Amino acid sequence: MALLGHVARLTLHTAASESTIGSLEAVGFSSSSSHDGRTPCTDGQILVSIDGNGTAPASLTYYAPSLQSVGDRLAAAGVVFEGTKMTELSVKGPGALTLKIISASASDMEERSGEDNHVLGYLDALVVPVDDASAAAEWAQKCGFFIIEASTIGTPMVDVTDGLIKISFREQAVRAPYLHYTADIDADWCAVVRDALGDACRIMGDTPSAPELVQLTIADALVIMVTPDEF
């Protein structure tokens, strides 16, 4: 088990739940019935929860069988958290990343299928823009993550994982975390995604047939970046 819990979900905080769900479904996600004001979604590679109780940057929610155990281990590692070990723990991470740890129930024990998104392709990582990627990785290791890869070529970055989700800390202007996918992008692919999302799809590159980057804005909740899989 990862230090923080058995299951991790990217939680999208939005005032436009229906638009958010519709946009995700248009780019390869499927949704399930809502529960307690939250709608679970997945594309096989990442578990997502749509929270319609207000807007905020996307956060990570972990579901743990024992908040007491998680709190004790975070305290021992020197990780600052708020909340109580009886209800919910909240951890402020690097950049705009926030972690929530809540008690797990049987309905929370969903597993990813591992299949690629049939529209967006392969999920590279949840990207967290930070001022200092190395310092962010040091914090992540205290929370049970381990380093997969680090690079100082171009944009300094450190990729970490806890077995449940991969996070890429990249030295960029701090903003909300976003998802990065790689896909087989061509003119036909761009046409399909543009038809699905309209102006929320921004295609960047020298030629329409070979874009270098596609930015998808999912309502007010999330940005998804897609680059060519050979890029």
Protein backbone atom coordinates (compact mmCIF):
# COMPACT_ATOMS: atom_id res chain seq x y z
CA MET A 1 0.00 0.00 0.00
CA ALA A 2 1.13 3.54 -0.72
CA LEU A 3 1.83 5.53 2.44
CA LEU A 4 -1.16 7.81 1.89
CA GLY A 5 -3.83 5.19 1.12
CA HIS A 6 -5.14 2.35 -1.03
CA VAL A 7 -6.74 4.49 -3.76
CA ALA A 8 -5.89 7.90 -5.25
CA ARG A 9 -8.30 10.10 -7.19
CA LEU A 10 -7.73 13.41 -8.94
CA THR A 11 -10.51 15.60 -7.57
CA LEU A 12 -11.87 18.33 -9.82
CA HIS A 13 -13.56 21.18 -7.94
CA THR A 14 -16.03 22.86 -10.27
CA ALA A 15 -19.13 25.01 -10.48
CA ALA A 16 -19.98 23.29 -13.78
CA SER A 17 -20.27 19.59 -12.98
CA GLU A 18 -22.36 18.65 -16.02
CA SER A 19 -20.06 20.48 -18.45
CA THR A 20 -17.00 18.94 -16.81
CA ILE A 21 -18.42 15.41 -17.01
CA GLY A 22 -19.57 15.94 -20.60
CA SER A 23 -16.18 17.24 -21.70
CA LEU A 24 -14.35 14.34 -20.03
CA GLU A 25 -16.67 11.82 -21.65
CA ALA A 26 -16.01 13.47 -25.03
CA VAL A 27 -12.27 12.77 -24.66
CA GLY A 28 -12.38 9.15 -23.56
CA PHE A 29 -13.54 9.08 -19.94
CA SER A 30 -16.56 7.24 -18.58
CA SER A 31 -18.59 8.31 -15.55
CA SER A 32 -20.55 6.49 -12.87
CA SER A 33 -23.48 7.44 -10.63
CA SER A 34 -22.94 10.38 -8.30
CA HIS A 35 -22.59 9.82 -4.57
CA ASP A 36 -22.49 12.49 -1.85
CA GLY A 37 -22.22 15.22 -4.47
CA ARG A 38 -19.26 13.59 -6.23
CA THR A 39 -19.21 11.86 -9.59
CA PRO A 40 -16.47 9.27 -10.25
CA CYS A 41 -14.90 9.11 -13.72
CA THR A 42 -12.03 7.17 -15.24
CA ASP A 43 -10.29 6.61 -18.55
CA GLY A 44 -8.61 3.42 -17.36
CA GLN A 45 -5.38 5.15 -16.41
CA ILE A 46 -6.50 7.63 -13.77
CA LEU A 47 -9.39 7.81 -11.34
CA VAL A 48 -11.16 11.18 -11.20
CA SER A 49 -13.81 12.58 -8.88
CA ILE A 50 -15.99 15.54 -9.89
CA ASP A 51 -16.82 17.68 -6.86
CA GLY A 52 -19.50 20.25 -7.62
CA ASN A 53 -19.25 22.10 -4.31
CA GLY A 54 -17.11 25.00 -5.49
CA THR A 55 -14.13 25.94 -7.63
CA ALA A 56 -10.48 25.37 -6.72
CA PRO A 57 -7.37 23.89 -8.37
CA ALA A 58 -7.50 20.14 -8.89
CA SER A 59 -6.34 18.19 -5.84
CA LEU A 60 -5.44 14.61 -5.00
CA THR A 61 -7.70 12.62 -2.69
CA TYR A 62 -6.41 9.46 -1.04
CA TYR A 63 -8.64 6.84 0.57
CA ALA A 64 -7.01 5.17 3.57
CA PRO A 65 -8.25 2.44 5.92
CA SER A 66 -6.65 4.20 8.91
CA LEU A 67 -6.21 7.96 9.12
CA GLN A 68 -4.46 7.44 12.44
CA SER A 69 -1.75 5.35 10.75
CA VAL A 70 -1.30 7.81 7.88
CA GLY A 71 -1.17 10.78 10.26
CA ASP A 72 1.39 9.07 12.45
CA ARG A 73 3.64 8.29 9.49
CA LEU A 74 3.36 11.81 8.07
CA ALA A 75 4.22 13.29 11.47
CA ALA A 76 7.21 10.96 11.80
CA ALA A 77 8.42 12.09 8.37
CA GLY A 78 8.05 15.75 9.29
CA VAL A 79 5.19 16.43 6.87
CA VAL A 80 2.88 19.20 8.05
CA PHE A 81 -0.85 18.46 7.82
CA GLU A 82 -4.14 19.88 9.07
CA GLY A 83 -7.36 18.21 10.16
CA THR A 84 -7.87 15.37 12.58
CA LYS A 85 -7.02 11.69 12.39
CA MET A 86 -10.70 10.93 13.01
CA THR A 87 -12.17 12.80 10.01
CA GLU A 88 -9.86 14.07 7.25
CA LEU A 89 -6.25 15.11 6.77
CA SER A 90 -5.16 17.92 4.44
CA VAL A 91 -1.59 18.40 3.24
CA LYS A 92 -0.37 21.47 1.34
CA GLY A 93 2.17 20.29 -1.22
CA PRO A 94 4.54 22.07 -3.60
CA GLY A 95 3.14 24.57 -6.09
CA ALA A 96 -0.65 24.52 -6.09
CA LEU A 97 -0.91 20.84 -5.10
CA THR A 98 -3.15 19.86 -2.19
CA LEU A 99 -3.58 16.33 -0.84
CA LYS A 100 -6.65 15.15 1.06
CA ILE A 101 -6.67 11.84 2.94
CA ILE A 102 -10.06 10.48 3.97
CA SER A 103 -11.37 7.23 5.43
CA ALA A 104 -11.95 4.55 2.84
CA SER A 105 -15.19 2.66 2.35
CA ALA A 106 -15.85 -0.43 0.23
CA SER A 107 -17.24 1.74 -2.59
CA ASP A 108 -13.94 3.63 -2.80
CA MET A 109 -11.89 0.53 -3.63
CA GLU A 110 -11.88 0.98 -7.40
CA GLU A 111 -8.90 -0.12 -9.48
CA ARG A 112 -7.68 1.26 -12.79
CA SER A 113 -7.95 -1.01 -15.83
CA GLY A 114 -4.60 0.25 -17.16
CA GLU A 115 -5.89 0.59 -20.72
CA ASP A 116 -4.91 3.66 -22.73
CA ASN A 117 -7.49 6.39 -23.24
CA HIS A 118 -8.99 5.72 -26.69
CA VAL A 119 -8.91 9.46 -27.50
CA LEU A 120 -6.07 10.98 -25.48
CA GLY A 121 -3.68 8.03 -25.64
CA TYR A 122 -1.13 7.41 -22.89
CA LEU A 123 -1.22 9.33 -19.62
CA ASP A 124 2.29 10.59 -18.91
CA ALA A 125 1.67 12.26 -15.56
CA LEU A 126 -0.17 14.68 -13.37
CA VAL A 127 2.04 17.74 -13.86
CA VAL A 128 2.59 20.05 -10.90
CA PRO A 129 4.35 23.30 -11.86
CA VAL A 130 6.78 24.35 -9.11
CA ASP A 131 9.60 26.77 -8.41
CA ASP A 132 12.05 24.02 -7.40
CA ALA A 133 11.55 20.48 -8.74
CA SER A 134 14.24 18.93 -6.55
CA ALA A 135 12.77 20.39 -3.36
CA ALA A 136 9.31 19.21 -4.45
CA ALA A 137 10.65 15.69 -4.96
CA GLU A 138 12.21 15.70 -1.49
CA TRP A 139 8.82 16.57 -0.02
CA ALA A 140 7.14 13.83 -2.10
CA GLN A 141 9.56 11.20 -0.82
CA LYS A 142 8.49 12.02 2.73
CA CYS A 143 4.93 11.22 1.62
CA GLY A 144 5.88 7.79 0.31
CA PHE A 145 6.73 8.59 -3.31
CA PHE A 146 9.94 7.50 -5.00
CA ILE A 147 11.83 9.12 -7.86
CA ILE A 148 11.43 7.60 -11.33
CA GLU A 149 13.36 10.11 -13.39
CA ALA A 150 15.03 13.50 -13.06
CA SER A 151 16.34 15.86 -15.72
CA THR A 152 17.91 19.30 -15.91
CA ILE A 153 17.83 19.42 -19.72
CA GLY A 154 15.39 22.06 -20.91
CA THR A 155 12.77 22.46 -18.21
CA PRO A 156 14.13 20.96 -14.95
CA MET A 157 11.81 18.21 -13.79
CA VAL A 158 11.52 15.27 -11.41
CA ASP A 159 8.99 12.45 -11.90
CA VAL A 160 7.79 10.53 -8.84
CA THR A 161 5.24 7.81 -8.12
CA ASP A 162 3.74 6.01 -5.15
CA GLY A 163 2.37 3.17 -7.26
CA LEU A 164 -1.05 4.81 -7.51
CA ILE A 165 -0.29 7.96 -9.48
CA LYS A 166 2.67 9.50 -11.27
CA ILE A 167 3.45 13.15 -10.56
CA SER A 168 5.84 15.24 -12.64
CA PHE A 169 7.22 18.27 -10.82
CA ARG A 170 8.30 20.74 -13.51
CA GLU A 171 9.90 24.13 -13.02
CA GLN A 172 7.26 26.32 -14.63
CA ALA A 173 5.22 29.32 -13.53
CA VAL A 174 3.16 28.03 -10.62
CA ARG A 175 -0.45 27.28 -11.59
CA ALA A 176 -3.02 24.55 -11.10
CA PRO A 177 -1.89 20.94 -11.68
CA TYR A 178 -2.74 19.60 -15.15
CA LEU A 179 -2.69 16.27 -16.98
CA HIS A 180 -0.18 15.45 -19.73
CA TYR A 181 -0.98 12.79 -22.32
CA THR A 182 0.85 11.61 -25.43
CA ALA A 183 -1.20 10.50 -28.45
CA ASP A 184 -0.96 9.75 -32.15
CA ILE A 185 -1.91 13.28 -33.18
CA ASP A 186 -2.71 14.14 -36.78
CA ALA A 187 -5.21 16.32 -38.64
CA ASP A 188 -8.02 13.77 -38.26
CA TRP A 189 -7.40 13.44 -34.51
CA CYS A 190 -7.46 17.23 -34.13
CA ALA A 191 -10.72 17.45 -36.06
CA VAL A 192 -12.39 14.90 -33.79
CA VAL A 193 -11.27 16.62 -30.61
CA ARG A 194 -12.11 20.08 -31.94
CA ASP A 195 -15.61 18.91 -32.88
CA ALA A 196 -16.04 17.51 -29.37
CA LEU A 197 -14.75 20.51 -27.40
CA GLY A 198 -14.99 23.47 -29.77
CA ASP A 199 -13.11 26.55 -28.56
CA ALA A 200 -11.93 24.60 -25.51
CA CYS A 201 -9.48 22.84 -27.84
CA ARG A 202 -6.40 24.90 -28.68
CA ILE A 203 -4.00 23.48 -31.28
CA MET A 204 -0.45 24.81 -31.40
CA GLY A 205 2.26 24.09 -33.96
CA ASP A 206 3.66 25.02 -37.35
CA THR A 207 1.15 23.05 -39.42
CA PRO A 208 -2.43 21.87 -38.73
CA SER A 209 -1.48 18.33 -39.79
CA ALA A 210 1.42 18.05 -37.33
CA PRO A 211 0.68 20.05 -34.16
CA GLU A 212 3.29 20.16 -31.41
CA LEU A 213 0.84 20.64 -28.56
CA VAL A 214 -2.91 20.50 -28.00
CA GLN A 215 -4.40 22.17 -24.94
CA LEU A 216 -7.84 21.04 -23.80
CA THR A 217 -9.73 23.08 -21.22
CA ILE A 218 -12.25 20.98 -19.32
CA ALA A 219 -14.86 23.54 -18.21
CA ASP A 220 -13.51 25.43 -15.17
CA ALA A 221 -11.92 22.36 -13.64
CA LEU A 222 -8.88 21.06 -15.50
CA VAL A 223 -6.39 21.60 -18.31
CA ILE A 224 -5.15 18.61 -20.33
CA MET A 225 -2.02 18.92 -22.46
CA VAL A 226 -1.51 16.43 -25.29
CA THR A 227 1.75 16.06 -27.22
CA PRO A 228 2.61 13.71 -30.11
CA ASP A 229 3.69 10.30 -28.86
CA GLU A 230 7.00 10.58 -30.72
CA PHE A 231 7.62 14.14 -29.48
